């Protein structure tokens, strides 16, 4: 099984939607920071957001087990083999992540 490196590429905040739908004082994600790196094989890394994990664990599982070598969906989504670009499921402040399969141990 391969290790998977998860890098937080970007934290976003969709201000117009948050203004309309969120509670007072709502802001960008406070758990994940741009540049953070996590490593895993199949379990949620310590300190990783539960909701973000729910959104990406299928890709982590696939990469850890050798999937994605065709660039995901035969190269029509991600051109680089062993890489996935995913986001958490927060519609007001999604966090964008890069998942990379590392060499076999």
PDB file of N, CA and C in Angstrom:
ATOM      1  N   UNK A   1       0.851  -1.185   0.000  1.00  0.00           N
ATOM      2  CA  UNK A   1       0.000   0.000   0.000  1.00  0.00           C
ATOM      3  C   UNK A   1       0.896   1.247   0.000  1.00  0.00           C
ATOM      4  N   UNK A   2       0.520   2.215  -0.771  1.00  0.00           N
ATOM      5  CA  UNK A   2       1.279   3.462  -0.848  1.00  0.00           C
ATOM      6  C   UNK A   2       0.811   4.459   0.209  1.00  0.00           C
ATOM      7  N   UNK A   3       1.720   5.317   0.605  1.00  0.00           N
ATOM      8  CA  UNK A   3       1.326   6.461   1.422  1.00  0.00           C
ATOM      9  C   UNK A   3       0.781   7.528   0.476  1.00  0.00           C
ATOM     10  N   UNK A   4      -0.100   8.353   1.002  1.00  0.00           N
ATOM     11  CA  UNK A   4      -0.661   9.456   0.234  1.00  0.00           C
ATOM     12  C   UNK A   4      -0.339  10.751   0.972  1.00  0.00           C
ATOM     13  N   UNK A   5       0.205  11.682   0.232  1.00  0.00           N
ATOM     14  CA  UNK A   5       0.517  13.010   0.764  1.00  0.00           C
ATOM     15  C   UNK A   5      -0.647  13.936   0.428  1.00  0.00           C
ATOM     16  N   UNK A   6      -1.163  14.622   1.447  1.00  0.00           N
ATOM     17  CA  UNK A   6      -2.259  15.576   1.262  1.00  0.00           C
ATOM     18  C   UNK A   6      -1.706  16.963   1.559  1.00  0.00           C
ATOM     19  N   UNK A   7      -1.742  17.831   0.577  1.00  0.00           N
ATOM     20  CA  UNK A   7      -1.262  19.201   0.737  1.00  0.00           C
ATOM     21  C   UNK A   7      -2.442  20.157   0.607  1.00  0.00           C
ATOM     22  N   UNK A   8      -2.590  21.054   1.566  1.00  0.00           N
ATOM     23  CA  UNK A   8      -3.640  22.062   1.489  1.00  0.00           C
ATOM     24  C   UNK A   8      -3.145  23.148   0.539  1.00  0.00           C
ATOM     25  N   UNK A   9      -3.786  23.226  -0.625  1.00  0.00           N
ATOM     26  CA  UNK A   9      -3.375  24.199  -1.641  1.00  0.00           C
ATOM     27  C   UNK A   9      -3.984  25.573  -1.414  1.00  0.00           C
ATOM     28  N   UNK A  10      -5.262  25.587  -1.049  1.00  0.00           N
ATOM     29  CA  UNK A  10      -5.949  26.872  -0.950  1.00  0.00           C
ATOM     30  C   UNK A  10      -7.134  26.758   0.000  1.00  0.00           C
ATOM     31  N   UNK A  11      -7.303  27.772   0.804  1.00  0.00           N
ATOM     32  CA  UNK A  11      -8.519  27.910   1.598  1.00  0.00           C
ATOM     33  C   UNK A  11      -9.292  29.062   0.986  1.00  0.00           C
ATOM     34  N   UNK A  12     -10.567  28.848   0.752  1.00  0.00           N
ATOM     35  CA  UNK A  12     -11.363  29.870   0.087  1.00  0.00           C
ATOM     36  C   UNK A  12     -12.500  30.321   0.988  1.00  0.00           C
ATOM     37  N   UNK A  13     -13.090  31.422   0.640  1.00  0.00           N
ATOM     38  CA  UNK A  13     -14.236  31.956   1.377  1.00  0.00           C
ATOM     39  C   UNK A  13     -15.107  32.678   0.362  1.00  0.00           C
ATOM     40  N   UNK A  14     -16.310  32.173   0.149  1.00  0.00           N
ATOM     41  CA  UNK A  14     -17.206  32.746  -0.849  1.00  0.00           C
ATOM     42  C   UNK A  14     -18.083  33.771  -0.144  1.00  0.00           C
ATOM     43  N   UNK A  15     -17.582  34.984  -0.149  1.00  0.00           N
ATOM     44  CA  UNK A  15     -18.134  36.058   0.666  1.00  0.00           C
ATOM     45  C   UNK A  15     -19.606  36.365   0.389  1.00  0.00           C
ATOM     46  N   UNK A  16     -19.996  36.415  -0.867  1.00  0.00           N
ATOM     47  CA  UNK A  16     -21.387  36.764  -1.160  1.00  0.00           C
ATOM     48  C   UNK A  16     -22.359  35.699  -0.650  1.00  0.00           C
ATOM     49  N   UNK A  17     -22.006  34.433  -0.791  1.00  0.00           N
ATOM     50  CA  UNK A  17     -22.872  33.371  -0.270  1.00  0.00           C
ATOM     51  C   UNK A  17     -22.869  33.350   1.255  1.00  0.00           C
ATOM     52  N   UNK A  18     -21.694  33.558   1.838  1.00  0.00           N
ATOM     53  CA  UNK A  18     -21.609  33.585   3.300  1.00  0.00           C
ATOM     54  C   UNK A  18     -22.430  34.738   3.863  1.00  0.00           C
ATOM     55  N   UNK A  19     -22.383  35.884   3.198  1.00  0.00           N
ATOM     56  CA  UNK A  19     -23.155  37.043   3.659  1.00  0.00           C
ATOM     57  C   UNK A  19     -24.645  36.728   3.663  1.00  0.00           C
ATOM     58  N   UNK A  20     -25.082  36.002   2.653  1.00  0.00           N
ATOM     59  CA  UNK A  20     -26.503  35.684   2.542  1.00  0.00           C
ATOM     60  C   UNK A  20     -26.942  34.535   3.459  1.00  0.00           C
ATOM     61  N   UNK A  21     -26.085  33.527   3.657  1.00  0.00           N
ATOM     62  CA  UNK A  21     -26.534  32.305   4.314  1.00  0.00           C
ATOM     63  C   UNK A  21     -25.893  31.983   5.663  1.00  0.00           C
ATOM     64  N   UNK A  22     -24.751  32.543   5.984  1.00  0.00           N
ATOM     65  CA  UNK A  22     -24.062  32.116   7.203  1.00  0.00           C
ATOM     66  C   UNK A  22     -24.477  32.926   8.433  1.00  0.00           C
ATOM     67  N   UNK A  23     -24.077  32.403   9.569  1.00  0.00           N
ATOM     68  CA  UNK A  23     -24.335  33.074  10.833  1.00  0.00           C
ATOM     69  C   UNK A  23     -23.343  34.226  11.020  1.00  0.00           C
ATOM     70  N   UNK A  24     -23.645  35.097  11.915  1.00  0.00           N
ATOM     71  CA  UNK A  24     -22.780  36.240  12.244  1.00  0.00           C
ATOM     72  C   UNK A  24     -21.396  35.739  12.675  1.00  0.00           C
ATOM     73  N   UNK A  25     -20.357  36.390  12.183  1.00  0.00           N
ATOM     74  CA  UNK A  25     -18.994  36.062  12.568  1.00  0.00           C
ATOM     75  C   UNK A  25     -18.378  34.887  11.822  1.00  0.00           C
ATOM     76  N   UNK A  26     -19.074  34.351  10.841  1.00  0.00           N
ATOM     77  CA  UNK A  26     -18.585  33.222  10.054  1.00  0.00           C
ATOM     78  C   UNK A  26     -17.438  33.680   9.166  1.00  0.00           C
ATOM     79  N   UNK A  27     -16.398  32.860   9.020  1.00  0.00           N
ATOM     80  CA  UNK A  27     -15.253  33.238   8.201  1.00  0.00           C
ATOM     81  C   UNK A  27     -14.601  32.031   7.564  1.00  0.00           C
ATOM     82  N   UNK A  28     -13.428  32.220   6.984  1.00  0.00           N
ATOM     83  CA  UNK A  28     -12.709  31.116   6.346  1.00  0.00           C
ATOM     84  C   UNK A  28     -12.445  29.970   7.327  1.00  0.00           C
ATOM     85  N   UNK A  29     -12.176  28.817   6.803  1.00  0.00           N
ATOM     86  CA  UNK A  29     -11.901  27.631   7.607  1.00  0.00           C
ATOM     87  C   UNK A  29     -10.798  27.925   8.621  1.00  0.00           C
ATOM     88  N   UNK A  30     -11.051  27.553   9.854  1.00  0.00           N
ATOM     89  CA  UNK A  30     -10.067  27.793  10.910  1.00  0.00           C
ATOM     90  C   UNK A  30      -9.224  26.548  11.197  1.00  0.00           C
ATOM     91  N   UNK A  31      -9.582  25.402  10.600  1.00  0.00           N
ATOM     92  CA  UNK A  31      -8.845  24.155  10.864  1.00  0.00           C
ATOM     93  C   UNK A  31      -7.685  23.926   9.909  1.00  0.00           C
ATOM     94  N   UNK A  32      -7.905  24.235   8.642  1.00  0.00           N
ATOM     95  CA  UNK A  32      -6.921  23.918   7.615  1.00  0.00           C
ATOM     96  C   UNK A  32      -6.219  25.197   7.158  1.00  0.00           C
ATOM     97  N   UNK A  33      -4.927  25.109   6.980  1.00  0.00           N
ATOM     98  CA  UNK A  33      -4.117  26.258   6.569  1.00  0.00           C
ATOM     99  C   UNK A  33      -3.364  25.927   5.287  1.00  0.00           C
ATOM    100  N   UNK A  34      -3.289  26.892   4.388  1.00  0.00           N
ATOM    101  CA  UNK A  34      -2.548  26.691   3.143  1.00  0.00           C
ATOM    102  C   UNK A  34      -1.121  26.267   3.453  1.00  0.00           C
ATOM    103  N   UNK A  35      -0.651  25.255   2.727  1.00  0.00           N
ATOM    104  CA  UNK A  35       0.697  24.743   2.918  1.00  0.00           C
ATOM    105  C   UNK A  35       0.791  23.584   3.899  1.00  0.00           C
ATOM    106  N   UNK A  36      -0.247  23.328   4.683  1.00  0.00           N
ATOM    107  CA  UNK A  36      -0.222  22.182   5.594  1.00  0.00           C
ATOM    108  C   UNK A  36      -0.062  20.906   4.795  1.00  0.00           C
ATOM    109  N   UNK A  37       0.640  19.940   5.373  1.00  0.00           N
ATOM    110  CA  UNK A  37       0.850  18.649   4.725  1.00  0.00           C
ATOM    111  C   UNK A  37       0.492  17.544   5.714  1.00  0.00           C
ATOM    112  N   UNK A  38      -0.224  16.546   5.212  1.00  0.00           N
ATOM    113  CA  UNK A  38      -0.610  15.379   5.994  1.00  0.00           C
ATOM    114  C   UNK A  38      -0.212  14.144   5.200  1.00  0.00           C
ATOM    115  N   UNK A  39       0.081  13.043   5.911  1.00  0.00           N
ATOM    116  CA  UNK A  39       0.399  11.773   5.271  1.00  0.00           C
ATOM    117  C   UNK A  39      -0.532  10.698   5.821  1.00  0.00           C
ATOM    118  N   UNK A  40      -0.955   9.787   4.942  1.00  0.00           N
ATOM    119  CA  UNK A  40      -1.827   8.706   5.356  1.00  0.00           C
ATOM    120  C   UNK A  40      -1.701   7.534   4.398  1.00  0.00           C
ATOM    121  N   UNK A  41      -2.223   6.395   4.826  1.00  0.00           N
ATOM    122  CA  UNK A  41      -2.394   5.249   3.937  1.00  0.00           C
ATOM    123  C   UNK A  41      -3.881   4.991   3.744  1.00  0.00           C
ATOM    124  N   UNK A  42      -4.619   5.021   4.855  1.00  0.00           N
ATOM    125  CA  UNK A  42      -6.050   4.768   4.737  1.00  0.00           C
ATOM    126  C   UNK A  42      -6.867   5.416   5.847  1.00  0.00           C
ATOM    127  N   UNK A  43      -6.231   5.860   6.913  1.00  0.00           N
ATOM    128  CA  UNK A  43      -6.966   6.443   8.038  1.00  0.00           C
ATOM    129  C   UNK A  43      -6.839   7.960   8.026  1.00  0.00           C
ATOM    130  N   UNK A  44      -7.836   8.630   8.571  1.00  0.00           N
ATOM    131  CA  UNK A  44      -7.814  10.093   8.658  1.00  0.00           C
ATOM    132  C   UNK A  44      -6.597  10.522   9.467  1.00  0.00           C
ATOM    133  N   UNK A  45      -5.767  11.394   8.905  1.00  0.00           N
ATOM    134  CA  UNK A  45      -4.595  11.863   9.638  1.00  0.00           C
ATOM    135  C   UNK A  45      -4.991  12.672  10.879  1.00  0.00           C
ATOM    136  N   UNK A  46      -4.171  12.606  11.883  1.00  0.00           N
ATOM    137  CA  UNK A  46      -4.406  13.375  13.097  1.00  0.00           C
ATOM    138  C   UNK A  46      -4.435  14.865  12.762  1.00  0.00           C
ATOM    139  N   UNK A  47      -5.434  15.563  13.288  1.00  0.00           N
ATOM    140  CA  UNK A  47      -5.563  16.998  13.074  1.00  0.00           C
ATOM    141  C   UNK A  47      -6.279  17.372  11.787  1.00  0.00           C
ATOM    142  N   UNK A  48      -6.703  16.374  11.020  1.00  0.00           N
ATOM    143  CA  UNK A  48      -7.378  16.629   9.748  1.00  0.00           C
ATOM    144  C   UNK A  48      -8.875  16.775   9.994  1.00  0.00           C
ATOM    145  N   UNK A  49      -9.509  17.690   9.311  1.00  0.00           N
ATOM    146  CA  UNK A  49     -10.940  17.956   9.469  1.00  0.00           C
ATOM    147  C   UNK A  49     -11.777  16.724   9.112  1.00  0.00           C
ATOM    148  N   UNK A  50     -12.716  16.367   9.989  1.00  0.00           N
ATOM    149  CA  UNK A  50     -13.592  15.213   9.746  1.00  0.00           C
ATOM    150  C   UNK A  50     -14.391  15.361   8.454  1.00  0.00           C
ATOM    151  N   UNK A  51     -14.960  16.527   8.236  1.00  0.00           N
ATOM    152  CA  UNK A  51     -15.792  16.737   7.042  1.00  0.00           C
ATOM    153  C   UNK A  51     -14.958  16.714   5.764  1.00  0.00           C
ATOM    154  N   UNK A  52     -13.768  17.279   5.809  1.00  0.00           N
ATOM    155  CA  UNK A  52     -12.885  17.230   4.636  1.00  0.00           C
ATOM    156  C   UNK A  52     -12.505  15.782   4.338  1.00  0.00           C
ATOM    157  N   UNK A  53     -12.250  15.003   5.391  1.00  0.00           N
ATOM    158  CA  UNK A  53     -11.893  13.600   5.190  1.00  0.00           C
ATOM    159  C   UNK A  53     -13.021  12.844   4.497  1.00  0.00           C
ATOM    160  N   UNK A  54     -14.255  13.090   4.921  1.00  0.00           N
ATOM    161  CA  UNK A  54     -15.402  12.427   4.290  1.00  0.00           C
ATOM    162  C   UNK A  54     -15.461  12.726   2.792  1.00  0.00           C
ATOM    163  N   UNK A  55     -15.029  13.915   2.410  1.00  0.00           N
ATOM    164  CA  UNK A  55     -15.094  14.327   1.007  1.00  0.00           C
ATOM    165  C   UNK A  55     -13.978  13.722   0.154  1.00  0.00           C
ATOM    166  N   UNK A  56     -12.844  13.338   0.759  1.00  0.00           N
ATOM    167  CA  UNK A  56     -11.695  12.894  -0.046  1.00  0.00           C
ATOM    168  C   UNK A  56     -11.265  11.460   0.185  1.00  0.00           C
ATOM    169  N   UNK A  57     -11.812  10.783   1.193  1.00  0.00           N
ATOM    170  CA  UNK A  57     -11.245   9.481   1.547  1.00  0.00           C
ATOM    171  C   UNK A  57     -11.301   8.465   0.403  1.00  0.00           C
ATOM    172  N   UNK A  58     -12.298   8.559  -0.484  1.00  0.00           N
ATOM    173  CA  UNK A  58     -12.355   7.610  -1.594  1.00  0.00           C
ATOM    174  C   UNK A  58     -11.144   7.772  -2.518  1.00  0.00           C
ATOM    175  N   UNK A  59     -10.727   9.002  -2.734  1.00  0.00           N
ATOM    176  CA  UNK A  59      -9.558   9.263  -3.572  1.00  0.00           C
ATOM    177  C   UNK A  59      -8.284   8.813  -2.878  1.00  0.00           C
ATOM    178  N   UNK A  60      -8.200   9.047  -1.575  1.00  0.00           N
ATOM    179  CA  UNK A  60      -7.037   8.586  -0.807  1.00  0.00           C
ATOM    180  C   UNK A  60      -6.939   7.065  -0.914  1.00  0.00           C
ATOM    181  N   UNK A  61      -8.058   6.377  -0.698  1.00  0.00           N
ATOM    182  CA  UNK A  61      -8.085   4.918  -0.775  1.00  0.00           C
ATOM    183  C   UNK A  61      -7.621   4.449  -2.154  1.00  0.00           C
ATOM    184  N   UNK A  62      -8.143   5.058  -3.201  1.00  0.00           N
ATOM    185  CA  UNK A  62      -7.773   4.671  -4.564  1.00  0.00           C
ATOM    186  C   UNK A  62      -6.278   4.883  -4.802  1.00  0.00           C
ATOM    187  N   UNK A  63      -5.758   6.027  -4.420  1.00  0.00           N
ATOM    188  CA  UNK A  63      -4.338   6.308  -4.619  1.00  0.00           C
ATOM    189  C   UNK A  63      -3.464   5.375  -3.801  1.00  0.00           C
ATOM    190  N   UNK A  64      -3.852   5.091  -2.565  1.00  0.00           N
ATOM    191  CA  UNK A  64      -3.072   4.208  -1.698  1.00  0.00           C
ATOM    192  C   UNK A  64      -3.006   2.786  -2.263  1.00  0.00           C
ATOM    193  N   UNK A  65      -4.022   2.414  -3.033  1.00  0.00           N
ATOM    194  CA  UNK A  65      -4.082   1.068  -3.597  1.00  0.00           C
ATOM    195  C   UNK A  65      -3.710   1.026  -5.073  1.00  0.00           C
ATOM    196  N   UNK A  66      -3.013   2.041  -5.545  1.00  0.00           N
ATOM    197  CA  UNK A  66      -2.487   2.014  -6.909  1.00  0.00           C
ATOM    198  C   UNK A  66      -3.394   2.604  -7.965  1.00  0.00           C
ATOM    199  N   UNK A  67      -4.550   3.133  -7.572  1.00  0.00           N
ATOM    200  CA  UNK A  67      -5.432   3.768  -8.540  1.00  0.00           C
ATOM    201  C   UNK A  67      -4.921   5.138  -8.943  1.00  0.00           C
ATOM    202  N   UNK A  68      -5.516   5.694  -9.962  1.00  0.00           N
ATOM    203  CA  UNK A  68      -5.125   7.025 -10.415  1.00  0.00           C
ATOM    204  C   UNK A  68      -3.896   7.041 -11.289  1.00  0.00           C
ATOM    205  N   UNK A  69      -3.369   5.866 -11.626  1.00  0.00           N
ATOM    206  CA  UNK A  69      -2.170   5.825 -12.461  1.00  0.00           C
ATOM    207  C   UNK A  69      -2.456   6.229 -13.901  1.00  0.00           C
ATOM    208  N   UNK A  70      -3.733   6.308 -14.255  1.00  0.00           N
ATOM    209  CA  UNK A  70      -4.111   6.759 -15.592  1.00  0.00           C
ATOM    210  C   UNK A  70      -4.446   8.251 -15.588  1.00  0.00           C
ATOM    211  N   UNK A  71      -4.151   8.928 -14.482  1.00  0.00           N
ATOM    212  CA  UNK A  71      -4.461  10.347 -14.383  1.00  0.00           C
ATOM    213  C   UNK A  71      -5.908  10.576 -13.996  1.00  0.00           C
ATOM    214  N   UNK A  72      -6.558   9.611 -13.387  1.00  0.00           N
ATOM    215  CA  UNK A  72      -7.967   9.626 -13.000  1.00  0.00           C
ATOM    216  C   UNK A  72      -8.858   9.813 -14.219  1.00  0.00           C
ATOM    217  N   UNK A  73      -9.777   8.919 -14.357  1.00  0.00           N
ATOM    218  CA  UNK A  73     -10.734   8.919 -15.464  1.00  0.00           C
ATOM    219  C   UNK A  73     -10.017   9.004 -16.810  1.00  0.00           C
ATOM    220  N   UNK A  74      -8.959   8.181 -16.925  1.00  0.00           N
ATOM    221  CA  UNK A  74      -8.189   8.069 -18.172  1.00  0.00           C
ATOM    222  C   UNK A  74      -7.648   9.408 -18.654  1.00  0.00           C
ATOM    223  N   UNK A  75      -7.256  10.253 -17.734  1.00  0.00           N
ATOM    224  CA  UNK A  75      -6.613  11.509 -18.082  1.00  0.00           C
ATOM    225  C   UNK A  75      -7.543  12.640 -18.470  1.00  0.00           C
ATOM    226  N   UNK A  76      -8.851  12.472 -18.322  1.00  0.00           N
ATOM    227  CA  UNK A  76      -9.766  13.560 -18.701  1.00  0.00           C
ATOM    228  C   UNK A  76     -10.089  14.483 -17.526  1.00  0.00           C
ATOM    229  N   UNK A  77      -9.522  14.227 -16.369  1.00  0.00           N
ATOM    230  CA  UNK A  77      -9.735  15.108 -15.210  1.00  0.00           C
ATOM    231  C   UNK A  77      -8.392  15.659 -14.757  1.00  0.00           C
ATOM    232  N   UNK A  78      -7.497  14.782 -14.350  1.00  0.00           N
ATOM    233  CA  UNK A  78      -6.167  15.178 -13.886  1.00  0.00           C
ATOM    234  C   UNK A  78      -5.138  14.537 -14.810  1.00  0.00           C
ATOM    235  N   UNK A  79      -4.238  15.343 -15.339  1.00  0.00           N
ATOM    236  CA  UNK A  79      -3.283  14.819 -16.314  1.00  0.00           C
ATOM    237  C   UNK A  79      -2.100  14.091 -15.691  1.00  0.00           C
ATOM    238  N   UNK A  80      -1.819  14.359 -14.408  1.00  0.00           N
ATOM    239  CA  UNK A  80      -0.661  13.765 -13.760  1.00  0.00           C
ATOM    240  C   UNK A  80      -1.039  12.460 -13.061  1.00  0.00           C
ATOM    241  N   UNK A  81      -0.453  11.355 -13.450  1.00  0.00           N
ATOM    242  CA  UNK A  81      -0.754  10.087 -12.786  1.00  0.00           C
ATOM    243  C   UNK A  81      -0.451  10.153 -11.288  1.00  0.00           C
ATOM    244  N   UNK A  82      -1.311   9.513 -10.495  1.00  0.00           N
ATOM    245  CA  UNK A  82      -1.096   9.443  -9.054  1.00  0.00           C
ATOM    246  C   UNK A  82      -1.423  10.710  -8.302  1.00  0.00           C
ATOM    247  N   UNK A  83      -2.139  11.645  -8.930  1.00  0.00           N
ATOM    248  CA  UNK A  83      -2.489  12.921  -8.300  1.00  0.00           C
ATOM    249  C   UNK A  83      -3.988  13.158  -8.443  1.00  0.00           C
ATOM    250  N   UNK A  84      -4.586  13.714  -7.405  1.00  0.00           N
ATOM    251  CA  UNK A  84      -5.976  14.166  -7.461  1.00  0.00           C
ATOM    252  C   UNK A  84      -6.060  15.537  -6.806  1.00  0.00           C
ATOM    253  N   UNK A  85      -6.851  16.411  -7.364  1.00  0.00           N
ATOM    254  CA  UNK A  85      -7.139  17.710  -6.767  1.00  0.00           C
ATOM    255  C   UNK A  85      -8.586  17.661  -6.317  1.00  0.00           C
ATOM    256  N   UNK A  86      -8.799  17.829  -5.016  1.00  0.00           N
ATOM    257  CA  UNK A  86     -10.124  17.664  -4.424  1.00  0.00           C
ATOM    258  C   UNK A  86     -10.423  18.839  -3.507  1.00  0.00           C
ATOM    259  N   UNK A  87     -11.658  18.929  -3.098  1.00  0.00           N
ATOM    260  CA  UNK A  87     -12.027  19.953  -2.120  1.00  0.00           C
ATOM    261  C   UNK A  87     -12.943  19.347  -1.075  1.00  0.00           C
ATOM    262  N   UNK A  88     -13.020  20.022   0.055  1.00  0.00           N
ATOM    263  CA  UNK A  88     -13.965  19.595   1.074  1.00  0.00           C
ATOM    264  C   UNK A  88     -15.370  19.997   0.620  1.00  0.00           C
ATOM    265  N   UNK A  89     -16.351  19.583   1.364  1.00  0.00           N
ATOM    266  CA  UNK A  89     -17.734  19.804   0.948  1.00  0.00           C
ATOM    267  C   UNK A  89     -18.384  21.029   1.574  1.00  0.00           C
ATOM    268  N   UNK A  90     -17.612  21.948   2.082  1.00  0.00           N
ATOM    269  CA  UNK A  90     -18.149  23.177   2.657  1.00  0.00           C
ATOM    270  C   UNK A  90     -18.433  24.159   1.522  1.00  0.00           C
ATOM    271  N   UNK A  91     -19.694  24.437   1.271  1.00  0.00           N
ATOM    272  CA  UNK A  91     -20.078  25.286   0.145  1.00  0.00           C
ATOM    273  C   UNK A  91     -19.789  26.759   0.329  1.00  0.00           C
ATOM    274  N   UNK A  92     -19.478  27.187   1.547  1.00  0.00           N
ATOM    275  CA  UNK A  92     -19.195  28.600   1.802  1.00  0.00           C
ATOM    276  C   UNK A  92     -17.706  28.885   1.931  1.00  0.00           C
ATOM    277  N   UNK A  93     -16.937  27.862   2.300  1.00  0.00           N
ATOM    278  CA  UNK A  93     -15.495  28.063   2.493  1.00  0.00           C
ATOM    279  C   UNK A  93     -14.719  26.790   2.159  1.00  0.00           C
ATOM    280  N   UNK A  94     -14.829  26.329   0.913  1.00  0.00           N
ATOM    281  CA  UNK A  94     -14.155  25.083   0.546  1.00  0.00           C
ATOM    282  C   UNK A  94     -12.632  25.186   0.626  1.00  0.00           C
ATOM    283  N   UNK A  95     -12.043  24.091   1.016  1.00  0.00           N
ATOM    284  CA  UNK A  95     -10.595  23.956   1.089  1.00  0.00           C
ATOM    285  C   UNK A  95     -10.169  23.039  -0.056  1.00  0.00           C
ATOM    286  N   UNK A  96      -9.181  23.482  -0.844  1.00  0.00           N
ATOM    287  CA  UNK A  96      -8.711  22.738  -2.013  1.00  0.00           C
ATOM    288  C   UNK A  96      -7.440  21.988  -1.625  1.00  0.00           C
ATOM    289  N   UNK A  97      -7.398  20.692  -1.962  1.00  0.00           N
ATOM    290  CA  UNK A  97      -6.290  19.829  -1.556  1.00  0.00           C
ATOM    291  C   UNK A  97      -5.693  19.090  -2.744  1.00  0.00           C
ATOM    292  N   UNK A  98      -4.398  18.860  -2.669  1.00  0.00           N
ATOM    293  CA  UNK A  98      -3.700  18.020  -3.647  1.00  0.00           C
ATOM    294  C   UNK A  98      -3.363  16.703  -2.959  1.00  0.00           C
ATOM    295  N   UNK A  99      -3.785  15.602  -3.552  1.00  0.00           N
ATOM    296  CA  UNK A  99      -3.494  14.273  -3.049  1.00  0.00           C
ATOM    297  C   UNK A  99      -2.480  13.642  -3.989  1.00  0.00           C
ATOM    298  N   UNK A 100      -1.400  13.107  -3.444  1.00  0.00           N
ATOM    299  CA  UNK A 100      -0.342  12.503  -4.253  1.00  0.00           C
ATOM    300  C   UNK A 100       0.003  11.125  -3.721  1.00  0.00           C
ATOM    301  N   UNK A 101      -0.020  10.132  -4.587  1.00  0.00           N
ATOM    302  CA  UNK A 101       0.453   8.800  -4.208  1.00  0.00           C
ATOM    303  C   UNK A 101       1.974   8.844  -4.203  1.00  0.00           C
ATOM    304  N   UNK A 102       2.554   8.393  -3.103  1.00  0.00           N
ATOM    305  CA  UNK A 102       4.010   8.331  -2.995  1.00  0.00           C
ATOM    306  C   UNK A 102       4.488   6.954  -3.450  1.00  0.00           C
ATOM    307  N   UNK A 103       5.771   6.808  -3.670  1.00  0.00           N
ATOM    308  CA  UNK A 103       6.325   5.536  -4.123  1.00  0.00           C
ATOM    309  C   UNK A 103       5.979   4.435  -3.129  1.00  0.00           C
ATOM    310  N   UNK A 104       5.871   3.212  -3.652  1.00  0.00           N
ATOM    311  CA  UNK A 104       5.598   2.058  -2.782  1.00  0.00           C
ATOM    312  C   UNK A 104       6.661   1.951  -1.698  1.00  0.00           C
ATOM    313  N   UNK A 105       6.190   1.547  -0.508  1.00  0.00           N
ATOM    314  CA  UNK A 105       7.132   1.382   0.619  1.00  0.00           C
ATOM    315  C   UNK A 105       7.911   0.101   0.503  1.00  0.00           C
TER     316      UNK A 105
END
